[in-house]
Amino acid sequence: MSEQQESPSFSIEKLYLKDLSIEVPNAPEVFLERESPQVEIQLQTNGRNLGDGAYEVLLTVTVTARIGEKNVFLVEAGQAGIFRIFNVPEENLEPLIAIACPNILFPYAREVISDAVTRAGFSPVVLQPVNFEGLYMARMQEAEAQQAAAGPQEVPVQ
């Protein structure tokens, strides 16, 4: 019996905006402010197996602008994609979902954020490029450090 190894395959099935919300809680007074807001950006990625080689990856970008304790605006965009992944070794699957897929989704999320902030009446927020590989590696190191700090677990004997 001859086994033929199929080569790995990765493709984009669909890219879509899964969630978008914007809040300007202190409008219209906030438009009279002369001080520039402090902008905070948070990124989160999630992936889930849909079966049959399909994976949904969701990149959530949250941008919060504040002047002091007052919220100027809050924008959250969930840019998603369905990716088909076949014949990829198990150890390469997680990095592919956590690094390659968010790299594909990020430019779309950046455009959505910029457009939403502009439509809300503010100067566009242009997100700088993100090193998803660096974020992934930092997350893995943090998880290893937490496991090491927990030490060996004692199992109670009855």
Protein backbone atom coordinates (compact mmCIF):
# COMPACT_ATOMS: atom_id res chain seq x y z
CA MET A 1 0.00 0.00 0.00
CA SER A 2 1.60 3.28 -1.05
CA GLU A 3 0.75 6.34 0.94
CA GLN A 4 0.93 9.60 -0.90
CA GLN A 5 1.67 12.56 1.35
CA GLU A 6 -0.50 15.50 0.38
CA SER A 7 1.12 18.89 0.60
CA PRO A 8 -0.12 21.40 3.17
CA SER A 9 -2.75 23.82 1.95
CA PHE A 10 -3.97 27.14 3.32
CA SER A 11 -6.66 29.29 1.71
CA ILE A 12 -9.02 32.11 2.55
CA GLU A 13 -12.66 31.06 2.28
CA LYS A 14 -14.29 34.32 3.44
CA LEU A 15 -13.35 37.60 5.14
CA TYR A 16 -16.09 39.52 6.94
CA LEU A 17 -16.85 42.07 9.62
CA LYS A 18 -18.42 40.08 12.45
CA ASP A 19 -18.95 42.89 14.95
CA LEU A 20 -18.67 46.68 14.99
CA SER A 21 -19.66 49.04 17.74
CA ILE A 22 -18.89 52.67 18.39
CA GLU A 23 -19.82 54.81 21.36
CA VAL A 24 -19.45 58.55 21.80
CA PRO A 25 -20.95 58.81 25.30
CA ASN A 26 -20.17 62.48 25.92
CA ALA A 27 -21.32 63.93 22.60
CA PRO A 28 -21.84 66.71 21.71
CA GLU A 29 -19.80 68.32 24.53
CA VAL A 30 -16.74 66.22 23.72
CA PHE A 31 -16.48 67.94 20.33
CA LEU A 32 -15.83 71.24 22.13
CA GLU A 33 -12.75 69.86 23.95
CA ARG A 34 -9.45 71.37 22.85
CA GLU A 35 -7.24 68.80 24.58
CA SER A 36 -6.07 65.79 22.57
CA PRO A 37 -7.31 62.46 23.89
CA GLN A 38 -5.11 59.61 25.06
CA VAL A 39 -5.73 56.60 22.81
CA GLU A 40 -5.47 53.00 24.06
CA ILE A 41 -5.53 50.03 21.69
CA GLN A 42 -6.22 46.42 22.63
CA LEU A 43 -5.99 43.38 20.36
CA GLN A 44 -7.42 39.92 20.90
CA THR A 45 -7.43 36.89 18.62
CA ASN A 46 -9.56 33.76 18.83
CA GLY A 47 -9.74 30.78 16.55
CA ARG A 48 -12.17 27.90 16.42
CA ASN A 49 -12.46 24.75 14.38
CA LEU A 50 -15.59 24.66 12.21
CA GLY A 51 -14.89 21.15 10.95
CA ASP A 52 -13.88 19.87 7.52
CA GLY A 53 -10.61 21.86 7.55
CA ALA A 54 -12.39 25.18 8.13
CA TYR A 55 -11.35 27.52 10.92
CA GLU A 56 -12.88 30.82 11.94
CA VAL A 57 -10.37 33.35 13.21
CA LEU A 58 -11.61 36.52 14.89
CA LEU A 59 -9.37 39.54 15.44
CA THR A 60 -10.97 42.00 17.84
CA VAL A 61 -9.52 45.52 17.96
CA THR A 62 -10.71 47.89 20.70
CA VAL A 63 -9.74 51.56 20.57
CA THR A 64 -10.58 53.76 23.55
CA ALA A 65 -9.93 57.52 23.58
CA ARG A 66 -10.06 59.44 26.86
CA ILE A 67 -9.44 62.95 28.10
CA GLY A 68 -8.71 62.50 31.77
CA GLU A 69 -11.44 60.21 33.11
CA LYS A 70 -13.91 61.17 30.37
CA ASN A 71 -14.44 58.76 27.48
CA VAL A 72 -14.24 60.53 24.13
CA PHE A 73 -15.04 57.45 22.05
CA LEU A 74 -14.83 53.69 22.10
CA VAL A 75 -14.68 51.63 18.91
CA GLU A 76 -14.59 47.86 18.78
CA ALA A 77 -14.30 45.93 15.53
CA GLY A 78 -14.36 42.16 15.17
CA GLN A 79 -12.80 41.31 11.80
CA ALA A 80 -13.18 37.63 11.02
CA GLY A 81 -12.24 35.14 8.39
CA ILE A 82 -12.88 31.54 7.51
CA PHE A 83 -9.68 29.80 6.50
CA ARG A 84 -9.30 26.31 5.00
CA ILE A 85 -6.29 24.49 6.37
CA PHE A 86 -5.38 20.95 5.29
CA ASN A 87 -2.42 18.65 5.91
CA VAL A 88 -0.68 21.00 8.31
CA PRO A 89 1.20 19.29 11.15
CA GLU A 90 -0.55 19.75 14.52
CA GLU A 91 2.37 21.70 15.99
CA ASN A 92 2.12 24.25 13.14
CA LEU A 93 -1.66 24.71 13.29
CA GLU A 94 -1.83 26.98 16.36
CA PRO A 95 0.89 29.38 15.12
CA LEU A 96 -0.81 29.52 11.72
CA ILE A 97 -4.12 30.49 13.35
CA ALA A 98 -2.52 32.87 15.87
CA ILE A 99 -0.01 34.58 13.54
CA ALA A 100 -0.74 34.16 9.82
CA CYS A 101 -4.52 34.60 9.99
CA PRO A 102 -4.45 37.79 12.13
CA ASN A 103 -1.80 39.20 9.76
CA ILE A 104 -4.32 38.77 6.93
CA LEU A 105 -7.22 40.22 8.96
CA PHE A 106 -5.38 43.22 10.43
CA PRO A 107 -5.43 45.55 7.37
CA TYR A 108 -9.20 45.11 7.12
CA ALA A 109 -9.67 45.81 10.85
CA ARG A 110 -7.40 48.88 10.57
CA GLU A 111 -9.58 50.26 7.75
CA VAL A 112 -12.82 49.61 9.67
CA ILE A 113 -11.48 51.34 12.80
CA SER A 114 -10.25 54.37 10.86
CA ASP A 115 -13.53 54.68 8.96
CA ALA A 116 -15.71 54.30 12.08
CA VAL A 117 -13.74 56.91 14.04
CA THR A 118 -13.95 59.34 11.09
CA ARG A 119 -17.71 58.77 10.71
CA ALA A 120 -18.10 59.50 14.43
CA GLY A 121 -16.66 62.97 13.78
CA PHE A 122 -13.05 62.51 14.90
CA SER A 123 -9.68 62.48 13.17
CA PRO A 124 -8.93 58.98 11.91
CA VAL A 125 -7.01 56.59 14.13
CA VAL A 126 -4.35 54.87 12.02
CA LEU A 127 -3.25 51.66 13.68
CA GLN A 128 0.45 50.89 13.38
CA PRO A 129 1.53 47.46 12.09
CA VAL A 130 1.40 44.69 14.67
CA ASN A 131 3.93 41.90 15.19
CA PHE A 132 1.54 38.99 15.76
CA GLU A 133 4.45 36.56 15.94
CA GLY A 134 5.96 38.55 18.80
CA LEU A 135 2.58 38.66 20.60
CA TYR A 136 2.17 34.90 20.15
CA MET A 137 5.67 34.17 21.47
CA ALA A 138 5.11 36.46 24.48
CA ARG A 139 1.82 34.66 25.23
CA MET A 140 3.57 31.26 25.04
CA GLN A 141 6.38 32.43 27.36
CA GLU A 142 3.82 33.82 29.81
CA ALA A 143 1.92 30.51 29.83
CA GLU A 144 5.18 28.57 30.42
CA ALA A 145 6.14 30.91 33.26
CA GLN A 146 2.72 30.44 34.90
CA GLN A 147 3.04 26.67 34.66
CA ALA A 148 6.55 26.77 36.13
CA ALA A 149 5.39 29.06 38.96
CA ALA A 150 2.53 26.72 39.78
CA GLY A 151 5.04 23.92 40.30
CA PRO A 152 4.10 20.29 40.67
CA GLN A 153 0.52 19.79 41.71
CA GLU A 154 -0.25 17.54 44.67
CA VAL A 155 -3.08 15.10 44.21
CA PRO A 156 -4.93 14.32 47.46
CA VAL A 157 -4.98 10.65 48.35
CA GLN A 158 -8.15 9.31 49.92
